Amino acid sequence: MTPAGATINVGPDGLTPEERLYQETVRHLQKSYSKKIKPLEQAYCFEGFHSAPLTPQDIGSKPMILLLGQYSTGKTTFVEYLLGESYPGAHVGIEPTTDRFVAIMNGPEPKVIPGHAAAVSGDLPFSGLT
């Protein structure tokens, strides 16, 4: 977060220096993986005993945190505290209220994307169960 009244340096591409560095680093990681690591995974059939090769979305996605726990233990309240606001679909009550997975992601506006739509979107780091 930026303190009130602070200026943010944004380049002609609309990115801050930190965002530009992040994107450049991700591109280098994607290139290194596809040229050096992925061929080894394919040669030794890594997919057969662990997982499929990574996609560019897997490498470029931001870190994820998973919160699990019994109902009414404060998971939603904790997330709202970290965000500094409520998020779409959040309900707090004494009975179980969030009985599904919820992915909270940064974006220009709050919105809810159904899980099946998120699983097939090429822009998001999610996939269906196999």
Protein backbone atom coordinates (compact mmCIF):
# COMPACT_ATOMS: atom_id res chain seq x y z
CA MET A 1 0.00 0.00 0.00
CA THR A 2 1.10 3.54 -0.71
CA PRO A 3 0.74 6.21 1.98
CA ALA A 4 -1.78 8.96 1.24
CA GLY A 5 -0.23 11.76 -0.78
CA ALA A 6 2.74 9.67 -1.96
CA THR A 7 3.61 9.67 -5.64
CA ILE A 8 4.09 6.49 -7.61
CA ASN A 9 6.59 6.43 -10.49
CA VAL A 10 4.84 4.93 -13.49
CA GLY A 11 6.58 4.54 -16.83
CA PRO A 12 5.09 5.06 -20.30
CA ASP A 13 4.00 1.40 -20.25
CA GLY A 14 1.88 2.07 -17.14
CA LEU A 15 4.10 -0.08 -14.91
CA THR A 16 6.10 0.82 -11.84
CA PRO A 17 9.79 -0.17 -11.78
CA GLU A 18 8.92 -3.03 -9.40
CA GLU A 19 6.19 -4.35 -11.71
CA ARG A 20 8.51 -4.12 -14.71
CA LEU A 21 11.26 -6.02 -12.83
CA TYR A 22 8.73 -8.66 -11.77
CA GLN A 23 7.52 -9.18 -15.35
CA GLU A 24 11.08 -9.37 -16.67
CA THR A 25 12.04 -11.90 -14.00
CA VAL A 26 9.01 -14.06 -14.80
CA ARG A 27 9.88 -14.01 -18.52
CA HIS A 28 13.44 -15.15 -17.72
CA LEU A 29 12.15 -17.93 -15.46
CA GLN A 30 9.70 -19.10 -18.14
CA LYS A 31 12.46 -19.12 -20.75
CA SER A 32 14.91 -20.98 -18.48
CA TYR A 33 12.29 -23.58 -17.57
CA SER A 34 11.25 -24.25 -21.16
CA LYS A 35 14.85 -24.51 -22.44
CA LYS A 36 16.60 -26.29 -19.54
CA ILE A 37 14.22 -28.04 -17.14
CA LYS A 38 11.21 -29.04 -19.23
CA PRO A 39 13.29 -31.11 -21.70
CA LEU A 40 14.71 -33.09 -18.74
CA GLU A 41 11.23 -33.65 -17.31
CA GLN A 42 10.04 -34.94 -20.68
CA ALA A 43 13.10 -37.13 -21.24
CA TYR A 44 12.70 -38.83 -17.86
CA CYS A 45 8.85 -39.03 -17.97
CA PHE A 46 8.54 -36.85 -14.86
CA GLU A 47 4.81 -36.47 -15.56
CA GLY A 48 4.32 -40.20 -15.01
CA PHE A 49 5.22 -40.10 -11.33
CA HIS A 50 4.72 -36.50 -10.21
CA SER A 51 2.98 -33.77 -12.20
CA ALA A 52 2.50 -32.39 -15.68
CA PRO A 53 5.01 -29.86 -17.03
CA LEU A 54 4.51 -26.32 -15.82
CA THR A 55 2.70 -23.82 -18.01
CA PRO A 56 3.68 -20.17 -18.43
CA GLN A 57 0.68 -19.33 -16.18
CA ASP A 58 2.05 -21.63 -13.46
CA ILE A 59 5.41 -19.86 -13.48
CA GLY A 60 3.97 -16.33 -13.77
CA SER A 61 1.27 -16.69 -11.13
CA LYS A 62 1.62 -14.98 -7.80
CA PRO A 63 2.13 -17.10 -4.66
CA MET A 64 -1.01 -18.62 -3.16
CA ILE A 65 -1.99 -19.18 0.45
CA LEU A 66 -4.51 -21.83 1.50
CA LEU A 67 -6.51 -21.37 4.69
CA LEU A 68 -8.26 -24.44 6.07
CA GLY A 69 -10.06 -24.98 9.33
CA GLN A 70 -13.26 -25.72 11.13
CA TYR A 71 -16.14 -23.31 10.72
CA SER A 72 -16.35 -20.19 12.89
CA THR A 73 -12.63 -20.09 13.65
CA GLY A 74 -11.96 -16.69 12.03
CA LYS A 75 -10.68 -17.53 8.53
CA THR A 76 -12.94 -15.01 6.77
CA THR A 77 -12.31 -12.39 9.44
CA PHE A 78 -8.54 -12.93 9.06
CA VAL A 79 -8.69 -12.50 5.27
CA GLU A 80 -10.84 -9.37 5.61
CA TYR A 81 -8.32 -7.97 8.08
CA LEU A 82 -5.45 -8.56 5.63
CA LEU A 83 -7.42 -6.98 2.77
CA GLY A 84 -8.66 -4.09 4.86
CA GLU A 85 -12.18 -4.66 3.49
CA SER A 86 -14.81 -7.28 2.83
CA TYR A 87 -14.60 -9.31 -0.37
CA PRO A 88 -17.41 -10.45 -2.70
CA GLY A 89 -19.11 -13.57 -1.39
CA ALA A 90 -17.82 -13.21 2.16
CA HIS A 91 -20.30 -14.04 4.90
CA VAL A 92 -19.59 -14.18 8.61
CA GLY A 93 -21.93 -16.02 10.94
CA ILE A 94 -22.09 -18.54 13.75
CA GLU A 95 -23.12 -21.32 11.37
CA PRO A 96 -20.99 -22.61 8.47
CA THR A 97 -21.18 -19.92 5.77
CA THR A 98 -18.25 -20.48 3.40
CA ASP A 99 -18.65 -24.08 2.32
CA ARG A 100 -16.63 -23.81 -0.88
CA PHE A 101 -13.24 -22.71 -2.15
CA VAL A 102 -12.80 -18.98 -2.66
CA ALA A 103 -9.87 -17.47 -4.57
CA ILE A 104 -9.27 -13.81 -3.79
CA MET A 105 -7.17 -12.08 -6.44
CA ASN A 106 -6.10 -8.51 -7.14
CA GLY A 107 -7.96 -6.73 -9.92
CA PRO A 108 -9.36 -3.37 -11.01
CA GLU A 109 -12.79 -4.11 -9.53
CA PRO A 110 -14.37 -6.64 -7.15
CA LYS A 111 -16.05 -9.54 -8.95
CA VAL A 112 -16.92 -13.18 -8.50
CA ILE A 113 -15.87 -15.79 -11.07
CA PRO A 114 -17.50 -19.23 -10.73
CA GLY A 115 -15.02 -22.03 -10.05
CA HIS A 116 -15.68 -23.87 -13.31
CA ALA A 117 -14.98 -20.66 -15.28
CA ALA A 118 -11.76 -20.03 -13.34
CA ALA A 119 -10.60 -23.61 -13.99
CA VAL A 120 -10.81 -23.21 -17.79
CA SER A 121 -9.47 -19.65 -18.01
CA GLY A 122 -5.99 -19.53 -19.54
CA ASP A 123 -5.24 -16.33 -17.62
CA LEU A 124 -5.67 -17.87 -14.18
CA PRO A 125 -3.44 -20.45 -12.45
CA PHE A 126 -6.25 -22.97 -11.88
CA SER A 127 -7.29 -26.16 -13.62
CA GLY A 128 -9.99 -28.77 -13.29
CA LEU A 129 -9.52 -31.95 -11.32
CA THR A 130 -8.25 -34.93 -13.27
